[in-house]
């Protein structure tokens, strides 16, 4: 048994089943469980996936960007993290790149993406 097989076998128990394939250009709503002062609540974060990373299942992360007033806010989420309740896919946009970080510099009509139905 190789090291890769051993690591995959150990990681398999922490991987959430039936997770869809998240891609760059998807508009998603992430429900994250936040624990504060002994209480827990669910925080929603809605935005566009601008980057996906990670080779193995447990390392998979997505970077979600959202425009809040004049500022852009980005959060990185580990897909199989126990703090994530769910990730809803709202719609898919047509992108031709694996990372659309260039969208950070665009504003107004230039920042529009074409929706795939």
N, C-alpha and C. Protein backbone atom coordinates (compact mmCIF):
# COMPACT_ATOMS: atom_id res chain seq x y z
N UNK A 1 0.86 -1.19 0.00
CA UNK A 1 0.00 0.00 0.00
C UNK A 1 0.89 1.24 0.00
N UNK A 2 0.66 2.12 -0.98
CA UNK A 2 1.47 3.33 -1.08
C UNK A 2 0.97 4.38 -0.10
N UNK A 3 1.77 5.40 0.05
CA UNK A 3 1.40 6.49 0.95
C UNK A 3 0.13 7.21 0.49
N UNK A 4 -0.01 7.36 -0.82
CA UNK A 4 -1.19 8.03 -1.35
C UNK A 4 -2.47 7.25 -1.02
N UNK A 5 -2.40 5.93 -1.16
CA UNK A 5 -3.56 5.09 -0.84
C UNK A 5 -3.90 5.17 0.64
N UNK A 6 -2.87 5.19 1.47
CA UNK A 6 -3.07 5.27 2.91
C UNK A 6 -3.74 6.60 3.30
N UNK A 7 -3.25 7.70 2.73
CA UNK A 7 -3.82 9.02 3.02
C UNK A 7 -5.26 9.09 2.51
N UNK A 8 -5.54 8.56 1.34
CA UNK A 8 -6.89 8.57 0.78
C UNK A 8 -7.85 7.78 1.65
N UNK A 9 -7.39 6.67 2.17
CA UNK A 9 -8.24 5.82 3.02
C UNK A 9 -8.58 6.52 4.33
N UNK A 10 -7.62 7.22 4.91
CA UNK A 10 -7.85 7.94 6.16
C UNK A 10 -8.77 9.14 5.92
N UNK A 11 -8.57 9.85 4.81
CA UNK A 11 -9.37 11.04 4.50
C UNK A 11 -10.81 10.70 4.13
N UNK A 12 -11.06 9.48 3.67
CA UNK A 12 -12.39 9.10 3.19
C UNK A 12 -13.46 9.23 4.27
N UNK A 13 -13.11 9.04 5.52
CA UNK A 13 -14.12 9.14 6.58
C UNK A 13 -14.56 10.57 6.86
N UNK A 14 -13.78 11.57 6.44
CA UNK A 14 -14.11 12.97 6.68
C UNK A 14 -14.77 13.64 5.48
N UNK A 15 -14.80 12.98 4.33
CA UNK A 15 -15.35 13.56 3.11
C UNK A 15 -16.87 13.45 3.14
N UNK A 16 -17.55 14.56 2.85
CA UNK A 16 -19.01 14.57 2.80
C UNK A 16 -19.48 13.88 1.52
N UNK A 17 -20.47 13.00 1.63
CA UNK A 17 -20.95 12.30 0.43
C UNK A 17 -21.87 13.19 -0.41
N UNK A 18 -21.97 12.86 -1.68
CA UNK A 18 -22.90 13.50 -2.62
C UNK A 18 -22.70 15.01 -2.75
N UNK A 19 -21.46 15.45 -2.76
CA UNK A 19 -21.19 16.87 -2.98
C UNK A 19 -21.05 17.10 -4.49
N UNK A 20 -21.76 18.10 -5.05
CA UNK A 20 -21.62 18.37 -6.49
C UNK A 20 -20.25 18.95 -6.82
N UNK A 21 -19.96 19.00 -8.09
CA UNK A 21 -18.69 19.55 -8.55
C UNK A 21 -18.82 21.06 -8.67
N UNK A 22 -18.11 21.80 -7.83
CA UNK A 22 -18.16 23.25 -7.86
C UNK A 22 -17.10 23.76 -8.81
N UNK A 23 -17.52 24.68 -9.71
CA UNK A 23 -16.61 25.19 -10.72
C UNK A 23 -16.55 26.70 -10.67
N UNK A 24 -15.52 27.22 -11.27
CA UNK A 24 -15.36 28.66 -11.39
C UNK A 24 -16.50 29.22 -12.24
N UNK A 25 -17.05 30.34 -11.80
CA UNK A 25 -18.13 30.98 -12.54
C UNK A 25 -19.51 30.65 -12.01
N UNK A 26 -19.61 29.83 -10.98
CA UNK A 26 -20.91 29.52 -10.39
C UNK A 26 -21.26 30.58 -9.35
N UNK A 27 -22.51 30.97 -9.31
CA UNK A 27 -22.98 31.83 -8.23
C UNK A 27 -23.55 30.90 -7.16
N UNK A 28 -23.01 30.98 -5.96
CA UNK A 28 -23.39 30.07 -4.88
C UNK A 28 -23.79 30.85 -3.64
N UNK A 29 -24.51 30.15 -2.77
CA UNK A 29 -24.84 30.68 -1.46
C UNK A 29 -24.33 29.67 -0.45
N UNK A 30 -23.38 30.10 0.37
CA UNK A 30 -22.73 29.22 1.33
C UNK A 30 -23.33 29.46 2.71
N UNK A 31 -23.77 28.39 3.36
CA UNK A 31 -24.32 28.47 4.71
C UNK A 31 -23.26 27.95 5.67
N UNK A 32 -22.70 28.84 6.48
CA UNK A 32 -21.61 28.51 7.39
C UNK A 32 -22.09 28.61 8.83
N UNK A 33 -21.75 27.60 9.64
CA UNK A 33 -22.13 27.60 11.06
C UNK A 33 -21.08 28.39 11.83
N UNK A 34 -21.53 29.41 12.56
CA UNK A 34 -20.65 30.26 13.36
C UNK A 34 -20.99 30.04 14.83
N UNK A 35 -19.98 29.74 15.64
CA UNK A 35 -20.17 29.57 17.08
C UNK A 35 -19.60 30.79 17.80
N UNK A 36 -20.48 31.49 18.52
CA UNK A 36 -20.07 32.68 19.26
C UNK A 36 -20.67 32.65 20.65
N UNK A 37 -19.86 32.80 21.65
CA UNK A 37 -20.30 32.90 23.03
C UNK A 37 -21.24 31.77 23.45
N UNK A 38 -20.93 30.57 23.03
CA UNK A 38 -21.74 29.42 23.43
C UNK A 38 -22.99 29.21 22.59
N UNK A 39 -23.28 30.11 21.67
CA UNK A 39 -24.42 29.96 20.78
C UNK A 39 -23.92 29.69 19.37
N UNK A 40 -24.76 29.07 18.58
CA UNK A 40 -24.38 28.87 17.18
C UNK A 40 -25.46 29.45 16.28
N UNK A 41 -25.04 29.97 15.14
CA UNK A 41 -25.96 30.53 14.16
C UNK A 41 -25.42 30.21 12.77
N UNK A 42 -26.28 30.36 11.79
CA UNK A 42 -25.89 30.09 10.41
C UNK A 42 -25.73 31.42 9.68
N UNK A 43 -24.57 31.61 9.07
CA UNK A 43 -24.29 32.83 8.32
C UNK A 43 -24.29 32.49 6.84
N UNK A 44 -25.03 33.29 6.05
CA UNK A 44 -25.08 33.06 4.61
C UNK A 44 -24.10 34.00 3.91
N UNK A 45 -23.46 33.48 2.86
CA UNK A 45 -22.54 34.29 2.07
C UNK A 45 -22.81 33.95 0.61
N UNK A 46 -23.29 34.93 -0.15
CA UNK A 46 -23.66 34.72 -1.54
C UNK A 46 -22.68 35.44 -2.45
N UNK A 47 -22.14 34.72 -3.43
CA UNK A 47 -21.20 35.34 -4.35
C UNK A 47 -20.82 34.40 -5.48
N UNK A 48 -19.82 34.80 -6.25
CA UNK A 48 -19.36 34.04 -7.41
C UNK A 48 -18.05 33.33 -7.06
N UNK A 49 -17.94 32.09 -7.45
CA UNK A 49 -16.69 31.35 -7.26
C UNK A 49 -15.68 31.87 -8.27
N UNK A 50 -14.57 32.43 -7.75
CA UNK A 50 -13.55 32.95 -8.66
C UNK A 50 -12.34 32.03 -8.75
N UNK A 51 -12.27 31.04 -7.84
CA UNK A 51 -11.12 30.16 -7.85
C UNK A 51 -11.46 28.85 -7.15
N UNK A 52 -10.97 27.75 -7.68
CA UNK A 52 -11.05 26.46 -7.00
C UNK A 52 -9.63 25.94 -6.84
N UNK A 53 -9.38 25.24 -5.75
CA UNK A 53 -8.03 24.74 -5.49
C UNK A 53 -8.11 23.42 -4.75
N UNK A 54 -7.00 22.70 -4.70
CA UNK A 54 -6.91 21.45 -3.96
C UNK A 54 -6.89 20.26 -4.87
N UNK A 55 -6.03 19.30 -4.56
CA UNK A 55 -5.92 18.11 -5.39
C UNK A 55 -6.75 16.96 -4.85
N UNK A 56 -6.59 16.63 -3.57
CA UNK A 56 -7.37 15.54 -3.00
C UNK A 56 -8.72 16.08 -2.53
N UNK A 57 -9.64 15.19 -2.24
CA UNK A 57 -11.00 15.58 -1.86
C UNK A 57 -11.02 16.47 -0.62
N UNK A 58 -10.20 16.16 0.36
CA UNK A 58 -10.22 16.92 1.61
C UNK A 58 -9.55 18.29 1.47
N UNK A 59 -8.73 18.47 0.46
CA UNK A 59 -8.04 19.74 0.25
C UNK A 59 -8.83 20.70 -0.63
N UNK A 60 -9.95 20.29 -1.18
CA UNK A 60 -10.72 21.13 -2.10
C UNK A 60 -11.23 22.38 -1.40
N UNK A 61 -10.93 23.53 -2.00
CA UNK A 61 -11.41 24.81 -1.48
C UNK A 61 -11.97 25.63 -2.63
N UNK A 62 -12.87 26.54 -2.27
CA UNK A 62 -13.40 27.49 -3.24
C UNK A 62 -13.24 28.90 -2.68
N UNK A 63 -12.93 29.83 -3.55
CA UNK A 63 -12.86 31.24 -3.16
C UNK A 63 -14.08 31.93 -3.73
N UNK A 64 -14.90 32.51 -2.85
CA UNK A 64 -16.15 33.14 -3.24
C UNK A 64 -16.00 34.64 -3.06
N UNK A 65 -16.37 35.39 -4.09
CA UNK A 65 -16.26 36.85 -4.06
C UNK A 65 -17.64 37.48 -4.13
N UNK A 66 -17.80 38.52 -3.34
CA UNK A 66 -19.07 39.23 -3.26
C UNK A 66 -18.79 40.72 -3.20
N UNK A 67 -19.62 41.50 -3.83
CA UNK A 67 -19.49 42.95 -3.80
C UNK A 67 -20.41 43.50 -2.71
N UNK A 68 -19.83 44.21 -1.74
CA UNK A 68 -20.61 44.80 -0.65
C UNK A 68 -20.34 46.31 -0.69
N UNK A 69 -21.29 47.04 -1.26
CA UNK A 69 -21.09 48.49 -1.41
C UNK A 69 -19.92 48.75 -2.34
N UNK A 70 -19.00 49.63 -1.92
CA UNK A 70 -17.84 49.91 -2.77
C UNK A 70 -16.71 48.88 -2.60
N UNK A 71 -16.90 47.91 -1.74
CA UNK A 71 -15.83 46.96 -1.43
C UNK A 71 -16.13 45.58 -1.99
N UNK A 72 -15.08 44.85 -2.28
CA UNK A 72 -15.21 43.45 -2.66
C UNK A 72 -14.77 42.59 -1.48
N UNK A 73 -15.55 41.58 -1.14
CA UNK A 73 -15.23 40.69 -0.03
C UNK A 73 -15.03 39.29 -0.58
N UNK A 74 -13.93 38.66 -0.19
CA UNK A 74 -13.64 37.30 -0.62
C UNK A 74 -13.48 36.40 0.59
N UNK A 75 -14.03 35.21 0.50
CA UNK A 75 -13.86 34.21 1.55
C UNK A 75 -13.44 32.90 0.91
N UNK A 76 -12.58 32.19 1.60
CA UNK A 76 -12.12 30.88 1.14
C UNK A 76 -12.78 29.84 2.03
N UNK A 77 -13.47 28.88 1.40
CA UNK A 77 -14.16 27.83 2.12
C UNK A 77 -13.59 26.47 1.74
N UNK A 78 -13.34 25.62 2.74
CA UNK A 78 -13.00 24.23 2.49
C UNK A 78 -14.32 23.49 2.28
N UNK A 79 -14.48 22.82 1.16
CA UNK A 79 -15.76 22.23 0.79
C UNK A 79 -16.23 21.19 1.80
N UNK A 80 -15.33 20.40 2.32
CA UNK A 80 -15.70 19.31 3.23
C UNK A 80 -15.54 19.69 4.71
N UNK A 81 -15.50 20.98 5.00
CA UNK A 81 -15.37 21.44 6.38
C UNK A 81 -16.64 21.14 7.18
N UNK A 82 -16.50 20.73 8.44
CA UNK A 82 -17.69 20.47 9.25
C UNK A 82 -18.46 21.75 9.61
N UNK A 83 -17.86 22.91 9.42
CA UNK A 83 -18.56 24.16 9.72
C UNK A 83 -19.48 24.60 8.59
N UNK A 84 -19.40 23.96 7.44
CA UNK A 84 -20.29 24.31 6.33
C UNK A 84 -21.54 23.45 6.41
N UNK A 85 -22.68 24.10 6.49
CA UNK A 85 -23.94 23.38 6.53
C UNK A 85 -24.33 22.90 5.13
N UNK A 86 -24.31 23.82 4.17
CA UNK A 86 -24.60 23.45 2.79
C UNK A 86 -24.12 24.56 1.86
N UNK A 87 -23.98 24.19 0.59
CA UNK A 87 -23.63 25.13 -0.46
C UNK A 87 -24.66 24.97 -1.56
N UNK A 88 -25.43 26.04 -1.82
CA UNK A 88 -26.46 26.01 -2.85
C UNK A 88 -25.92 26.65 -4.12
N UNK A 89 -26.11 25.97 -5.24
CA UNK A 89 -25.74 26.54 -6.53
C UNK A 89 -26.95 27.31 -7.05
N UNK A 90 -26.78 28.60 -7.28
CA UNK A 90 -27.88 29.44 -7.75
C UNK A 90 -27.92 29.47 -9.27
N UNK A 91 -26.79 29.76 -9.89
CA UNK A 91 -26.71 29.74 -11.36
C UNK A 91 -25.27 29.60 -11.80
N UNK A 92 -25.09 29.31 -13.10
CA UNK A 92 -23.77 29.07 -13.67
C UNK A 92 -23.54 30.10 -14.78
N UNK A 93 -22.36 30.69 -14.77
CA UNK A 93 -21.98 31.63 -15.81
C UNK A 93 -20.94 30.99 -16.72
N UNK A 94 -20.88 31.49 -17.95
CA UNK A 94 -19.92 30.96 -18.92
C UNK A 94 -18.56 31.61 -18.67
N UNK A 95 -17.57 30.80 -18.32
CA UNK A 95 -16.20 31.29 -18.15
C UNK A 95 -15.27 30.34 -18.90
N UNK A 96 -14.17 30.87 -19.38
CA UNK A 96 -13.23 30.07 -20.15
C UNK A 96 -11.90 29.88 -19.43
N UNK A 97 -11.86 30.24 -18.16
CA UNK A 97 -10.62 30.14 -17.39
C UNK A 97 -10.88 29.39 -16.09
N UNK A 98 -9.81 28.85 -15.52
CA UNK A 98 -9.95 28.12 -14.26
C UNK A 98 -9.99 29.07 -13.07
N UNK A 99 -9.41 30.26 -13.25
CA UNK A 99 -9.43 31.27 -12.19
C UNK A 99 -9.80 32.61 -12.82
N UNK A 100 -10.85 33.25 -12.30
CA UNK A 100 -11.29 34.52 -12.89
C UNK A 100 -10.98 35.67 -11.93
N UNK A 101 -9.74 35.73 -11.49
CA UNK A 101 -9.31 36.79 -10.59
C UNK A 101 -9.32 38.16 -11.24
N UNK A 102 -9.32 38.19 -12.58
CA UNK A 102 -9.34 39.47 -13.29
C UNK A 102 -10.63 40.24 -13.02
N UNK A 103 -11.65 39.56 -12.55
CA UNK A 103 -12.94 40.21 -12.29
C UNK A 103 -12.85 41.18 -11.12
N UNK A 104 -11.81 41.05 -10.32
CA UNK A 104 -11.61 41.98 -9.19
C UNK A 104 -11.45 43.41 -9.66
N UNK A 105 -10.79 43.58 -10.80
CA UNK A 105 -10.48 44.92 -11.30
C UNK A 105 -11.61 45.53 -12.13
N UNK A 106 -12.60 44.72 -12.49
CA UNK A 106 -13.67 45.20 -13.36
C UNK A 106 -14.84 45.72 -12.54
N UNK A 107 -15.51 46.74 -13.06
CA UNK A 107 -16.69 47.28 -12.40
C UNK A 107 -17.77 47.53 -13.44
N UNK A 108 -19.00 47.63 -13.01
CA UNK A 108 -20.11 47.98 -13.90
C UNK A 108 -20.37 46.94 -14.97
N UNK A 109 -20.61 47.42 -16.20
CA UNK A 109 -20.95 46.52 -17.30
C UNK A 109 -19.81 45.58 -17.66
N UNK A 110 -18.59 46.00 -17.43
CA UNK A 110 -17.43 45.18 -17.77
C UNK A 110 -17.36 43.92 -16.92
N UNK A 111 -17.96 43.96 -15.73
CA UNK A 111 -17.90 42.82 -14.81
C UNK A 111 -19.02 41.81 -15.05
N UNK A 112 -19.86 42.04 -16.05
CA UNK A 112 -20.96 41.11 -16.33
C UNK A 112 -20.45 39.82 -16.92
N UNK A 113 -21.11 38.72 -16.57
CA UNK A 113 -20.81 37.41 -17.14
C UNK A 113 -22.08 36.88 -17.80
N UNK A 114 -21.90 36.05 -18.83
CA UNK A 114 -23.06 35.49 -19.53
C UNK A 114 -23.53 34.23 -18.84
N UNK A 115 -24.83 34.15 -18.57
CA UNK A 115 -25.38 33.01 -17.84
C UNK A 115 -25.60 31.83 -18.78
N UNK A 116 -25.29 30.63 -18.26
CA UNK A 116 -25.55 29.38 -18.99
C UNK A 116 -26.84 28.81 -18.46
N UNK A 117 -27.77 28.49 -19.34
CA UNK A 117 -29.06 27.97 -18.89
C UNK A 117 -29.07 26.47 -18.90
